[in-house]
């Protein structure tokens, strides 16, 4: 996988959140994917991730924007680190966050995504 391919997969995943497109999000992930949210919640495998995502979407919550501020990719380890900023509305409550995420790619999909939120 090249840096451009990795960034495209990540952008597809993020765009899925912004557009509330469940299929786009899930198509970006491996079957055994692990998502660890910046605040600590962990979701393992596509079945669990699907249930979590459906629950989130059912609340009417939105990812108002999610911008990648910088993206760094290591082709040897097929991993990336990116800085981000996003705003979301969850159950009517608006939130803005900045942070970073570590991503591992496998088979041209996201296998692991670990978020870290800036609390300063």
PDB file of N, CA and C in Angstrom:
ATOM      1  N   UNK A   1       0.846  -1.173   0.000  1.00  0.00           N
ATOM      2  CA  UNK A   1       0.000   0.000   0.000  1.00  0.00           C
ATOM      3  C   UNK A   1       0.894   1.240   0.000  1.00  0.00           C
ATOM      4  N   UNK A   2       0.530   2.198  -0.807  1.00  0.00           N
ATOM      5  CA  UNK A   2       1.284   3.448  -0.857  1.00  0.00           C
ATOM      6  C   UNK A   2       0.662   4.475   0.098  1.00  0.00           C
ATOM      7  N   UNK A   3       1.377   5.563   0.298  1.00  0.00           N
ATOM      8  CA  UNK A   3       0.858   6.638   1.146  1.00  0.00           C
ATOM      9  C   UNK A   3      -0.454   7.177   0.584  1.00  0.00           C
ATOM     10  N   UNK A   4      -0.517   7.358  -0.710  1.00  0.00           N
ATOM     11  CA  UNK A   4      -1.737   7.890  -1.336  1.00  0.00           C
ATOM     12  C   UNK A   4      -2.906   6.924  -1.129  1.00  0.00           C
ATOM     13  N   UNK A   5      -2.665   5.629  -1.299  1.00  0.00           N
ATOM     14  CA  UNK A   5      -3.730   4.640  -1.086  1.00  0.00           C
ATOM     15  C   UNK A   5      -4.198   4.648   0.369  1.00  0.00           C
ATOM     16  N   UNK A   6      -3.245   4.718   1.303  1.00  0.00           N
ATOM     17  CA  UNK A   6      -3.593   4.740   2.725  1.00  0.00           C
ATOM     18  C   UNK A   6      -4.413   5.982   3.065  1.00  0.00           C
ATOM     19  N   UNK A   7      -3.988   7.112   2.558  1.00  0.00           N
ATOM     20  CA  UNK A   7      -4.721   8.349   2.845  1.00  0.00           C
ATOM     21  C   UNK A   7      -6.115   8.306   2.218  1.00  0.00           C
ATOM     22  N   UNK A   8      -6.245   7.710   1.062  1.00  0.00           N
ATOM     23  CA  UNK A   8      -7.555   7.583   0.413  1.00  0.00           C
ATOM     24  C   UNK A   8      -8.493   6.712   1.240  1.00  0.00           C
ATOM     25  N   UNK A   9      -7.984   5.583   1.760  1.00  0.00           N
ATOM     26  CA  UNK A   9      -8.807   4.714   2.613  1.00  0.00           C
ATOM     27  C   UNK A   9      -9.250   5.480   3.854  1.00  0.00           C
ATOM     28  N   UNK A  10      -8.321   6.184   4.490  1.00  0.00           N
ATOM     29  CA  UNK A  10      -8.648   6.951   5.681  1.00  0.00           C
ATOM     30  C   UNK A  10      -9.666   8.047   5.371  1.00  0.00           C
ATOM     31  N   UNK A  11      -9.479   8.753   4.278  1.00  0.00           N
ATOM     32  CA  UNK A  11     -10.425   9.807   3.895  1.00  0.00           C
ATOM     33  C   UNK A  11     -11.807   9.236   3.594  1.00  0.00           C
ATOM     34  N   UNK A  12     -11.871   8.049   3.013  1.00  0.00           N
ATOM     35  CA  UNK A  12     -13.153   7.384   2.766  1.00  0.00           C
ATOM     36  C   UNK A  12     -13.844   7.075   4.087  1.00  0.00           C
ATOM     37  N   UNK A  13     -13.086   6.540   5.049  1.00  0.00           N
ATOM     38  CA  UNK A  13     -13.620   6.242   6.376  1.00  0.00           C
ATOM     39  C   UNK A  13     -14.165   7.510   7.039  1.00  0.00           C
ATOM     40  N   UNK A  14     -13.377   8.565   7.036  1.00  0.00           N
ATOM     41  CA  UNK A  14     -13.777   9.830   7.658  1.00  0.00           C
ATOM     42  C   UNK A  14     -14.983  10.423   6.940  1.00  0.00           C
ATOM     43  N   UNK A  15     -14.970  10.399   5.616  1.00  0.00           N
ATOM     44  CA  UNK A  15     -16.098  10.920   4.851  1.00  0.00           C
ATOM     45  C   UNK A  15     -17.375  10.140   5.166  1.00  0.00           C
ATOM     46  N   UNK A  16     -17.239   8.843   5.420  1.00  0.00           N
ATOM     47  CA  UNK A  16     -18.396   8.042   5.812  1.00  0.00           C
ATOM     48  C   UNK A  16     -19.025   8.551   7.099  1.00  0.00           C
ATOM     49  N   UNK A  17     -18.200   8.958   8.051  1.00  0.00           N
ATOM     50  CA  UNK A  17     -18.723   9.529   9.297  1.00  0.00           C
ATOM     51  C   UNK A  17     -19.415  10.862   9.040  1.00  0.00           C
ATOM     52  N   UNK A  18     -18.789  11.711   8.246  1.00  0.00           N
ATOM     53  CA  UNK A  18     -19.346  13.044   7.995  1.00  0.00           C
ATOM     54  C   UNK A  18     -20.665  12.953   7.227  1.00  0.00           C
ATOM     55  N   UNK A  19     -20.770  12.007   6.300  1.00  0.00           N
ATOM     56  CA  UNK A  19     -21.979  11.860   5.493  1.00  0.00           C
ATOM     57  C   UNK A  19     -22.960  10.851   6.082  1.00  0.00           C
ATOM     58  N   UNK A  20     -22.615  10.281   7.234  1.00  0.00           N
ATOM     59  CA  UNK A  20     -23.464   9.283   7.907  1.00  0.00           C
ATOM     60  C   UNK A  20     -23.710   8.066   7.001  1.00  0.00           C
ATOM     61  N   UNK A  21     -22.662   7.643   6.279  1.00  0.00           N
ATOM     62  CA  UNK A  21     -22.749   6.536   5.335  1.00  0.00           C
ATOM     63  C   UNK A  21     -22.144   5.285   5.967  1.00  0.00           C
ATOM     64  N   UNK A  22     -22.984   4.488   6.585  1.00  0.00           N
ATOM     65  CA  UNK A  22     -22.549   3.283   7.296  1.00  0.00           C
ATOM     66  C   UNK A  22     -21.759   2.342   6.386  1.00  0.00           C
ATOM     67  N   UNK A  23     -22.234   2.146   5.163  1.00  0.00           N
ATOM     68  CA  UNK A  23     -21.569   1.220   4.246  1.00  0.00           C
ATOM     69  C   UNK A  23     -20.159   1.686   3.907  1.00  0.00           C
ATOM     70  N   UNK A  24     -19.980   2.985   3.737  1.00  0.00           N
ATOM     71  CA  UNK A  24     -18.663   3.536   3.417  1.00  0.00           C
ATOM     72  C   UNK A  24     -17.693   3.314   4.586  1.00  0.00           C
ATOM     73  N   UNK A  25     -18.181   3.529   5.803  1.00  0.00           N
ATOM     74  CA  UNK A  25     -17.348   3.321   6.998  1.00  0.00           C
ATOM     75  C   UNK A  25     -16.934   1.861   7.089  1.00  0.00           C
ATOM     76  N   UNK A  26     -17.914   0.968   7.013  1.00  0.00           N
ATOM     77  CA  UNK A  26     -17.641  -0.460   7.191  1.00  0.00           C
ATOM     78  C   UNK A  26     -16.767  -1.030   6.071  1.00  0.00           C
ATOM     79  N   UNK A  27     -16.921  -0.529   4.855  1.00  0.00           N
ATOM     80  CA  UNK A  27     -16.112  -1.007   3.723  1.00  0.00           C
ATOM     81  C   UNK A  27     -14.646  -0.619   3.880  1.00  0.00           C
ATOM     82  N   UNK A  28     -14.361   0.353   4.733  1.00  0.00           N
ATOM     83  CA  UNK A  28     -12.986   0.805   4.964  1.00  0.00           C
ATOM     84  C   UNK A  28     -12.248  -0.037   5.996  1.00  0.00           C
ATOM     85  N   UNK A  29     -12.962  -0.951   6.655  1.00  0.00           N
ATOM     86  CA  UNK A  29     -12.411  -1.710   7.787  1.00  0.00           C
ATOM     87  C   UNK A  29     -12.237  -3.191   7.468  1.00  0.00           C
ATOM     88  N   UNK A  30     -11.211  -3.807   8.060  1.00  0.00           N
ATOM     89  CA  UNK A  30     -11.055  -5.256   7.955  1.00  0.00           C
ATOM     90  C   UNK A  30     -12.107  -5.931   8.829  1.00  0.00           C
ATOM     91  N   UNK A  31     -12.348  -7.194   8.574  1.00  0.00           N
ATOM     92  CA  UNK A  31     -13.347  -7.969   9.336  1.00  0.00           C
ATOM     93  C   UNK A  31     -13.045  -7.973  10.837  1.00  0.00           C
ATOM     94  N   UNK A  32     -11.764  -8.006  11.189  1.00  0.00           N
ATOM     95  CA  UNK A  32     -11.363  -8.067  12.601  1.00  0.00           C
ATOM     96  C   UNK A  32     -10.860  -6.715  13.122  1.00  0.00           C
ATOM     97  N   UNK A  33     -11.324  -5.636  12.516  1.00  0.00           N
ATOM     98  CA  UNK A  33     -10.853  -4.296  12.868  1.00  0.00           C
ATOM     99  C   UNK A  33     -11.052  -3.990  14.348  1.00  0.00           C
ATOM    100  N   UNK A  34     -10.192  -3.122  14.843  1.00  0.00           N
ATOM    101  CA  UNK A  34     -10.287  -2.644  16.220  1.00  0.00           C
ATOM    102  C   UNK A  34     -10.301  -1.117  16.172  1.00  0.00           C
ATOM    103  N   UNK A  35     -11.328  -0.530  16.761  1.00  0.00           N
ATOM    104  CA  UNK A  35     -11.416   0.929  16.865  1.00  0.00           C
ATOM    105  C   UNK A  35     -11.375   1.272  18.351  1.00  0.00           C
ATOM    106  N   UNK A  36     -10.396   2.051  18.726  1.00  0.00           N
ATOM    107  CA  UNK A  36     -10.316   2.552  20.095  1.00  0.00           C
ATOM    108  C   UNK A  36     -10.504   4.053  20.021  1.00  0.00           C
ATOM    109  N   UNK A  37     -11.655   4.512  20.522  1.00  0.00           N
ATOM    110  CA  UNK A  37     -11.972   5.940  20.472  1.00  0.00           C
ATOM    111  C   UNK A  37     -11.034   6.729  21.371  1.00  0.00           C
ATOM    112  N   UNK A  38     -10.917   8.007  21.080  1.00  0.00           N
ATOM    113  CA  UNK A  38      -9.994   8.873  21.815  1.00  0.00           C
ATOM    114  C   UNK A  38     -10.306   8.932  23.308  1.00  0.00           C
ATOM    115  N   UNK A  39     -11.562   8.720  23.678  1.00  0.00           N
ATOM    116  CA  UNK A  39     -11.925   8.747  25.091  1.00  0.00           C
ATOM    117  C   UNK A  39     -11.901   7.372  25.740  1.00  0.00           C
ATOM    118  N   UNK A  40     -11.460   6.348  24.990  1.00  0.00           N
ATOM    119  CA  UNK A  40     -11.199   5.055  25.583  1.00  0.00           C
ATOM    120  C   UNK A  40     -12.083   3.893  25.181  1.00  0.00           C
ATOM    121  N   UNK A  41     -13.304   4.135  24.703  1.00  0.00           N
ATOM    122  CA  UNK A  41     -14.163   3.018  24.313  1.00  0.00           C
ATOM    123  C   UNK A  41     -13.527   2.235  23.176  1.00  0.00           C
ATOM    124  N   UNK A  42     -13.640   0.914  23.241  1.00  0.00           N
ATOM    125  CA  UNK A  42     -13.028   0.035  22.249  1.00  0.00           C
ATOM    126  C   UNK A  42     -14.096  -0.815  21.586  1.00  0.00           C
ATOM    127  N   UNK A  43     -14.001  -0.948  20.272  1.00  0.00           N
ATOM    128  CA  UNK A  43     -14.949  -1.730  19.482  1.00  0.00           C
ATOM    129  C   UNK A  43     -14.131  -2.709  18.642  1.00  0.00           C
ATOM    130  N   UNK A  44     -14.365  -4.015  18.834  1.00  0.00           N
ATOM    131  CA  UNK A  44     -13.582  -5.060  18.168  1.00  0.00           C
ATOM    132  C   UNK A  44     -14.457  -5.856  17.218  1.00  0.00           C
ATOM    133  N   UNK A  45     -14.070  -5.980  16.017  1.00  0.00           N
ATOM    134  CA  UNK A  45     -14.613  -6.749  14.901  1.00  0.00           C
ATOM    135  C   UNK A  45     -15.804  -6.045  14.253  1.00  0.00           C
ATOM    136  N   UNK A  46     -16.029  -6.387  13.012  1.00  0.00           N
ATOM    137  CA  UNK A  46     -17.029  -5.700  12.200  1.00  0.00           C
ATOM    138  C   UNK A  46     -18.443  -5.844  12.751  1.00  0.00           C
ATOM    139  N   UNK A  47     -18.758  -6.967  13.363  1.00  0.00           N
ATOM    140  CA  UNK A  47     -20.101  -7.154  13.931  1.00  0.00           C
ATOM    141  C   UNK A  47     -20.345  -6.148  15.055  1.00  0.00           C
ATOM    142  N   UNK A  48     -19.419  -6.054  15.984  1.00  0.00           N
ATOM    143  CA  UNK A  48     -19.544  -5.119  17.115  1.00  0.00           C
ATOM    144  C   UNK A  48     -19.523  -3.676  16.620  1.00  0.00           C
ATOM    145  N   UNK A  49     -18.634  -3.381  15.683  1.00  0.00           N
ATOM    146  CA  UNK A  49     -18.535  -2.028  15.138  1.00  0.00           C
ATOM    147  C   UNK A  49     -19.849  -1.638  14.446  1.00  0.00           C
ATOM    148  N   UNK A  50     -20.445  -2.567  13.714  1.00  0.00           N
ATOM    149  CA  UNK A  50     -21.714  -2.295  13.033  1.00  0.00           C
ATOM    150  C   UNK A  50     -22.798  -1.946  14.038  1.00  0.00           C
ATOM    151  N   UNK A  51     -22.916  -2.715  15.111  1.00  0.00           N
ATOM    152  CA  UNK A  51     -23.939  -2.446  16.142  1.00  0.00           C
ATOM    153  C   UNK A  51     -23.704  -1.083  16.792  1.00  0.00           C
ATOM    154  N   UNK A  52     -22.448  -0.766  17.120  1.00  0.00           N
ATOM    155  CA  UNK A  52     -22.107   0.526  17.712  1.00  0.00           C
ATOM    156  C   UNK A  52     -22.472   1.657  16.751  1.00  0.00           C
ATOM    157  N   UNK A  53     -22.094   1.513  15.492  1.00  0.00           N
ATOM    158  CA  UNK A  53     -22.360   2.527  14.482  1.00  0.00           C
ATOM    159  C   UNK A  53     -23.866   2.716  14.281  1.00  0.00           C
ATOM    160  N   UNK A  54     -24.618   1.637  14.196  1.00  0.00           N
ATOM    161  CA  UNK A  54     -26.073   1.734  14.031  1.00  0.00           C
ATOM    162  C   UNK A  54     -26.706   2.457  15.217  1.00  0.00           C
ATOM    163  N   UNK A  55     -26.226   2.178  16.421  1.00  0.00           N
ATOM    164  CA  UNK A  55     -26.730   2.860  17.611  1.00  0.00           C
ATOM    165  C   UNK A  55     -26.436   4.347  17.572  1.00  0.00           C
ATOM    166  N   UNK A  56     -25.224   4.692  17.169  1.00  0.00           N
ATOM    167  CA  UNK A  56     -24.825   6.100  17.079  1.00  0.00           C
ATOM    168  C   UNK A  56     -25.679   6.827  16.042  1.00  0.00           C
ATOM    169  N   UNK A  57     -25.849   6.212  14.879  1.00  0.00           N
ATOM    170  CA  UNK A  57     -26.647   6.831  13.824  1.00  0.00           C
ATOM    171  C   UNK A  57     -28.111   6.971  14.241  1.00  0.00           C
ATOM    172  N   UNK A  58     -28.630   6.005  14.985  1.00  0.00           N
ATOM    173  CA  UNK A  58     -30.033   6.028  15.417  1.00  0.00           C
ATOM    174  C   UNK A  58     -30.346   7.201  16.345  1.00  0.00           C
ATOM    175  N   UNK A  59     -29.336   7.730  17.031  1.00  0.00           N
ATOM    176  CA  UNK A  59     -29.561   8.878  17.919  1.00  0.00           C
ATOM    177  C   UNK A  59     -29.708  10.175  17.135  1.00  0.00           C
ATOM    178  N   UNK A  60     -29.432  10.130  15.821  1.00  0.00           N
ATOM    179  CA  UNK A  60     -29.466  11.347  15.012  1.00  0.00           C
ATOM    180  C   UNK A  60     -28.189  12.160  15.126  1.00  0.00           C
ATOM    181  N   UNK A  61     -27.182  11.579  15.765  1.00  0.00           N
ATOM    182  CA  UNK A  61     -25.904  12.282  15.953  1.00  0.00           C
ATOM    183  C   UNK A  61     -25.232  12.527  14.607  1.00  0.00           C
ATOM    184  N   UNK A  62     -24.401  13.574  14.576  1.00  0.00           N
ATOM    185  CA  UNK A  62     -23.709  13.922  13.339  1.00  0.00           C
ATOM    186  C   UNK A  62     -22.241  14.216  13.613  1.00  0.00           C
ATOM    187  N   UNK A  63     -21.422  13.911  12.639  1.00  0.00           N
ATOM    188  CA  UNK A  63     -20.039  14.351  12.618  1.00  0.00           C
ATOM    189  C   UNK A  63     -20.071  15.582  11.716  1.00  0.00           C
ATOM    190  N   UNK A  64     -20.034  16.750  12.331  1.00  0.00           N
ATOM    191  CA  UNK A  64     -20.239  17.987  11.583  1.00  0.00           C
ATOM    192  C   UNK A  64     -19.080  18.276  10.635  1.00  0.00           C
ATOM    193  N   UNK A  65     -17.869  17.982  11.055  1.00  0.00           N
ATOM    194  CA  UNK A  65     -16.706  17.966  10.171  1.00  0.00           C
ATOM    195  C   UNK A  65     -15.603  17.177  10.866  1.00  0.00           C
ATOM    196  N   UNK A  66     -14.677  16.660  10.074  1.00  0.00           N
ATOM    197  CA  UNK A  66     -13.521  15.934  10.596  1.00  0.00           C
ATOM    198  C   UNK A  66     -12.386  16.213   9.633  1.00  0.00           C
ATOM    199  N   UNK A  67     -11.489  17.101  10.019  1.00  0.00           N
ATOM    200  CA  UNK A  67     -10.391  17.516   9.149  1.00  0.00           C
ATOM    201  C   UNK A  67      -9.082  16.832   9.531  1.00  0.00           C
ATOM    202  N   UNK A  68      -8.356  16.372   8.525  1.00  0.00           N
ATOM    203  CA  UNK A  68      -7.010  15.848   8.716  1.00  0.00           C
ATOM    204  C   UNK A  68      -6.054  17.019   8.594  1.00  0.00           C
ATOM    205  N   UNK A  69      -5.319  17.308   9.656  1.00  0.00           N
ATOM    206  CA  UNK A  69      -4.388  18.433   9.645  1.00  0.00           C
ATOM    207  C   UNK A  69      -3.017  18.031   9.129  1.00  0.00           C
ATOM    208  N   UNK A  70      -2.600  16.799   9.376  1.00  0.00           N
ATOM    209  CA  UNK A  70      -1.361  16.262   8.801  1.00  0.00           C
ATOM    210  C   UNK A  70      -1.463  14.744   8.781  1.00  0.00           C
ATOM    211  N   UNK A  71      -0.745  14.129   7.847  1.00  0.00           N
ATOM    212  CA  UNK A  71      -0.813  12.676   7.666  1.00  0.00           C
ATOM    213  C   UNK A  71       0.591  12.154   7.387  1.00  0.00           C
ATOM    214  N   UNK A  72       1.014  11.165   8.143  1.00  0.00           N
ATOM    215  CA  UNK A  72       2.342  10.576   7.992  1.00  0.00           C
ATOM    216  C   UNK A  72       2.171   9.063   7.863  1.00  0.00           C
ATOM    217  N   UNK A  73       2.786   8.481   6.845  1.00  0.00           N
ATOM    218  CA  UNK A  73       2.625   7.051   6.548  1.00  0.00           C
ATOM    219  C   UNK A  73       3.973   6.361   6.476  1.00  0.00           C
ATOM    220  N   UNK A  74       4.052   5.170   7.067  1.00  0.00           N
ATOM    221  CA  UNK A  74       5.260   4.347   6.992  1.00  0.00           C
ATOM    222  C   UNK A  74       4.948   3.108   6.143  1.00  0.00           C
ATOM    223  N   UNK A  75       5.497   3.029   4.930  1.00  0.00           N
ATOM    224  CA  UNK A  75       5.177   1.897   4.057  1.00  0.00           C
ATOM    225  C   UNK A  75       5.709   0.563   4.575  1.00  0.00           C
ATOM    226  N   UNK A  76       6.769   0.569   5.370  1.00  0.00           N
ATOM    227  CA  UNK A  76       7.318  -0.694   5.891  1.00  0.00           C
ATOM    228  C   UNK A  76       6.392  -1.358   6.899  1.00  0.00           C
ATOM    229  N   UNK A  77       5.796  -0.561   7.766  1.00  0.00           N
ATOM    230  CA  UNK A  77       4.895  -1.118   8.791  1.00  0.00           C
ATOM    231  C   UNK A  77       3.425  -1.004   8.396  1.00  0.00           C
ATOM    232  N   UNK A  78       3.171  -0.373   7.249  1.00  0.00           N
ATOM    233  CA  UNK A  78       1.797  -0.147   6.787  1.00  0.00           C
ATOM    234  C   UNK A  78       0.960   0.531   7.879  1.00  0.00           C
ATOM    235  N   UNK A  79       1.555   1.552   8.470  1.00  0.00           N
ATOM    236  CA  UNK A  79       0.884   2.278   9.545  1.00  0.00           C
ATOM    237  C   UNK A  79       0.983   3.780   9.298  1.00  0.00           C
ATOM    238  N   UNK A  80       0.095   4.514   9.943  1.00  0.00           N
ATOM    239  CA  UNK A  80       0.049   5.956   9.767  1.00  0.00           C
ATOM    240  C   UNK A  80      -0.268   6.633  11.084  1.00  0.00           C
ATOM    241  N   UNK A  81       0.058   7.897  11.126  1.00  0.00           N
ATOM    242  CA  UNK A  81      -0.237   8.761  12.254  1.00  0.00           C
ATOM    243  C   UNK A  81      -0.807  10.034  11.650  1.00  0.00           C
ATOM    244  N   UNK A  82      -1.946  10.485  12.169  1.00  0.00           N
ATOM    245  CA  UNK A  82      -2.482  11.734  11.639  1.00  0.00           C
ATOM    246  C   UNK A  82      -3.056  12.599  12.744  1.00  0.00           C
ATOM    247  N   UNK A  83      -2.931  13.905  12.559  1.00  0.00           N
ATOM    248  CA  UNK A  83      -3.509  14.890  13.461  1.00  0.00           C
ATOM    249  C   UNK A  83      -4.856  15.294  12.895  1.00  0.00           C
ATOM    250  N   UNK A  84      -5.831  15.501  13.767  1.00  0.00           N
ATOM    251  CA  UNK A  84      -7.179  15.817  13.308  1.00  0.00           C
ATOM    252  C   UNK A  84      -7.869  16.841  14.200  1.00  0.00           C
ATOM    253  N   UNK A  85      -8.918  17.394  13.629  1.00  0.00           N
ATOM    254  CA  UNK A  85      -9.853  18.238  14.372  1.00  0.00           C
ATOM    255  C   UNK A  85     -11.233  17.865  13.874  1.00  0.00           C
ATOM    256  N   UNK A  86     -12.179  17.711  14.803  1.00  0.00           N
ATOM    257  CA  UNK A  86     -13.543  17.460  14.370  1.00  0.00           C
ATOM    258  C   UNK A  86     -14.534  18.135  15.295  1.00  0.00           C
ATOM    259  N   UNK A  87     -15.735  18.267  14.773  1.00  0.00           N
ATOM    260  CA  UNK A  87     -16.865  18.748  15.564  1.00  0.00           C
ATOM    261  C   UNK A  87     -18.001  17.763  15.330  1.00  0.00           C
ATOM    262  N   UNK A  88     -18.706  17.436  16.403  1.00  0.00           N
ATOM    263  CA  UNK A  88     -19.822  16.512  16.297  1.00  0.00           C
ATOM    264  C   UNK A  88     -20.980  17.017  17.150  1.00  0.00           C
ATOM    265  N   UNK A  89     -22.135  16.461  16.867  1.00  0.00           N
ATOM    266  CA  UNK A  89     -23.318  16.716  17.673  1.00  0.00           C
ATOM    267  C   UNK A  89     -23.851  15.350  18.084  1.00  0.00           C
ATOM    268  N   UNK A  90     -23.821  15.076  19.380  1.00  0.00           N
ATOM    269  CA  UNK A  90     -24.267  13.784  19.904  1.00  0.00           C
ATOM    270  C   UNK A  90     -25.420  14.029  20.869  1.00  0.00           C
ATOM    271  N   UNK A  91     -26.576  13.477  20.508  1.00  0.00           N
ATOM    272  CA  UNK A  91     -27.790  13.656  21.310  1.00  0.00           C
ATOM    273  C   UNK A  91     -28.037  15.138  21.607  1.00  0.00           C
ATOM    274  N   UNK A  92     -27.840  15.984  20.579  1.00  0.00           N
ATOM    275  CA  UNK A  92     -28.106  17.404  20.695  1.00  0.00           C
ATOM    276  C   UNK A  92     -26.990  18.240  21.301  1.00  0.00           C
ATOM    277  N   UNK A  93     -25.934  17.594  21.759  1.00  0.00           N
ATOM    278  CA  UNK A  93     -24.832  18.308  22.413  1.00  0.00           C
ATOM    279  C   UNK A  93     -23.660  18.444  21.445  1.00  0.00           C
ATOM    280  N   UNK A  94     -23.249  19.694  21.179  1.00  0.00           N
ATOM    281  CA  UNK A  94     -22.131  19.954  20.258  1.00  0.00           C
ATOM    282  C   UNK A  94     -20.801  19.809  20.985  1.00  0.00           C
ATOM    283  N   UNK A  95     -19.836  19.241  20.282  1.00  0.00           N
ATOM    284  CA  UNK A  95     -18.498  19.051  20.837  1.00  0.00           C
ATOM    285  C   UNK A  95     -17.469  19.264  19.740  1.00  0.00           C
ATOM    286  N   UNK A  96     -16.362  19.894  20.096  1.00  0.00           N
ATOM    287  CA  UNK A  96     -15.246  20.081  19.166  1.00  0.00           C
ATOM    288  C   UNK A  96     -14.015  19.466  19.820  1.00  0.00           C
ATOM    289  N   UNK A  97     -13.239  18.708  19.060  1.00  0.00           N
ATOM    290  CA  UNK A  97     -12.064  18.033  19.597  1.00  0.00           C
ATOM    291  C   UNK A  97     -10.894  18.115  18.639  1.00  0.00           C
ATOM    292  N   UNK A  98      -9.701  18.076  19.209  1.00  0.00           N
ATOM    293  CA  UNK A  98      -8.483  17.925  18.426  1.00  0.00           C
ATOM    294  C   UNK A  98      -7.725  16.742  18.996  1.00  0.00           C
ATOM    295  N   UNK A  99      -6.907  16.128  18.170  1.00  0.00           N
ATOM    296  CA  UNK A  99      -6.136  14.996  18.647  1.00  0.00           C
ATOM    297  C   UNK A  99      -5.334  14.358  17.533  1.00  0.00           C
ATOM    298  N   UNK A 100      -4.979  13.112  17.779  1.00  0.00           N
ATOM    299  CA  UNK A 100      -4.182  12.348  16.826  1.00  0.00           C
ATOM    300  C   UNK A 100      -4.662  10.903  16.844  1.00  0.00           C
ATOM    301  N   UNK A 101      -4.410  10.201  15.775  1.00  0.00           N
ATOM    302  CA  UNK A 101      -4.747   8.783  15.699  1.00  0.00           C
ATOM    303  C   UNK A 101      -3.609   8.017  15.045  1.00  0.00           C
ATOM    304  N   UNK A 102      -3.431   6.794  15.519  1.00  0.00           N
ATOM    305  CA  UNK A 102      -2.495   5.832  14.952  1.00  0.00           C
ATOM    306  C   UNK A 102      -3.340   4.812  14.202  1.00  0.00           C
ATOM    307  N   UNK A 103      -2.949   4.498  12.975  1.00  0.00           N
ATOM    308  CA  UNK A 103      -3.728   3.589  12.131  1.00  0.00           C
ATOM    309  C   UNK A 103      -2.816   2.502  11.587  1.00  0.00           C
ATOM    310  N   UNK A 104      -3.301   1.266  11.593  1.00  0.00           N
ATOM    311  CA  UNK A 104      -2.610   0.146  10.962  1.00  0.00           C
ATOM    312  C   UNK A 104      -3.492  -0.327   9.807  1.00  0.00           C
ATOM    313  N   UNK A 105      -2.880  -0.521   8.655  1.00  0.00           N
ATOM    314  CA  UNK A 105      -3.593  -0.961   7.458  1.00  0.00           C
ATOM    315  C   UNK A 105      -3.237  -2.418   7.147  1.00  0.00           C
ATOM    316  N   UNK A 106      -4.210  -3.146   6.630  1.00  0.00           N
ATOM    317  CA  UNK A 106      -3.984  -4.515   6.147  1.00  0.00           C
ATOM    318  C   UNK A 106      -4.968  -4.762   5.000  1.00  0.00           C
ATOM    319  N   UNK A 107      -4.482  -5.353   3.944  1.00  0.00           N
ATOM    320  CA  UNK A 107      -5.324  -5.649   2.779  1.00  0.00           C
ATOM    321  C   UNK A 107      -6.032  -4.402   2.250  1.00  0.00           C
ATOM    322  N   UNK A 108      -5.326  -3.261   2.310  1.00  0.00           N
ATOM    323  CA  UNK A 108      -5.817  -1.976   1.811  1.00  0.00           C
ATOM    324  C   UNK A 108      -7.071  -1.497   2.546  1.00  0.00           C
ATOM    325  N   UNK A 109      -7.153  -1.876   3.821  1.00  0.00           N
ATOM    326  CA  UNK A 109      -8.236  -1.426   4.693  1.00  0.00           C
ATOM    327  C   UNK A 109      -7.647  -1.066   6.054  1.00  0.00           C
ATOM    328  N   UNK A 110      -8.454  -0.423   6.878  1.00  0.00           N
ATOM    329  CA  UNK A 110      -8.034  -0.092   8.241  1.00  0.00           C
ATOM    330  C   UNK A 110      -8.232  -1.310   9.117  1.00  0.00           C
ATOM    331  N   UNK A 111      -7.155  -1.720   9.789  1.00  0.00           N
ATOM    332  CA  UNK A 111      -7.197  -2.849  10.709  1.00  0.00           C
ATOM    333  C   UNK A 111      -7.305  -2.373  12.159  1.00  0.00           C
ATOM    334  N   UNK A 112      -6.591  -1.297  12.470  1.00  0.00           N
ATOM    335  CA  UNK A 112      -6.596  -0.716  13.817  1.00  0.00           C
ATOM    336  C   UNK A 112      -6.621   0.798  13.677  1.00  0.00           C
ATOM    337  N   UNK A 113      -7.439   1.436  14.490  1.00  0.00           N
ATOM    338  CA  UNK A 113      -7.389   2.887  14.600  1.00  0.00           C
ATOM    339  C   UNK A 113      -7.509   3.238  16.081  1.00  0.00           C
ATOM    340  N   UNK A 114      -6.490   3.893  16.571  1.00  0.00           N
ATOM    341  CA  UNK A 114      -6.384   4.255  17.983  1.00  0.00           C
ATOM    342  C   UNK A 114      -6.336   5.767  18.089  1.00  0.00           C
ATOM    343  N   UNK A 115      -7.336   6.368  18.704  1.00  0.00           N
ATOM    344  CA  UNK A 115      -7.403   7.818  18.820  1.00  0.00           C
ATOM    345  C   UNK A 115      -6.868   8.332  20.151  1.00  0.00           C
ATOM    346  N   UNK A 116      -6.301   9.525  20.103  1.00  0.00           N
ATOM    347  CA  UNK A 116      -5.799  10.216  21.295  1.00  0.00           C
ATOM    348  C   UNK A 116      -6.316  11.648  21.232  1.00  0.00           C
ATOM    349  N   UNK A 117      -7.078  12.042  22.223  1.00  0.00           N
ATOM    350  CA  UNK A 117      -7.668  13.374  22.250  1.00  0.00           C
ATOM    351  C   UNK A 117      -6.780  14.347  23.008  1.00  0.00           C
ATOM    352  N   UNK A 118      -6.648  15.556  22.471  1.00  0.00           N
ATOM    353  CA  UNK A 118      -5.915  16.620  23.141  1.00  0.00           C
ATOM    354  C   UNK A 118      -6.819  17.217  24.216  1.00  0.00           C
ATOM    355  N   UNK A 119      -6.430  17.104  25.462  1.00  0.00           N
ATOM    356  CA  UNK A 119      -7.263  17.576  26.562  1.00  0.00           C
ATOM    357  C   UNK A 119      -6.834  18.932  27.087  1.00  0.00           C
ATOM    358  N   UNK A 120      -5.852  19.563  26.424  1.00  0.00           N
ATOM    359  CA  UNK A 120      -5.386  20.875  26.900  1.00  0.00           C
ATOM    360  C   UNK A 120      -6.265  21.989  26.397  1.00  0.00           C
TER     361      UNK A 120
END
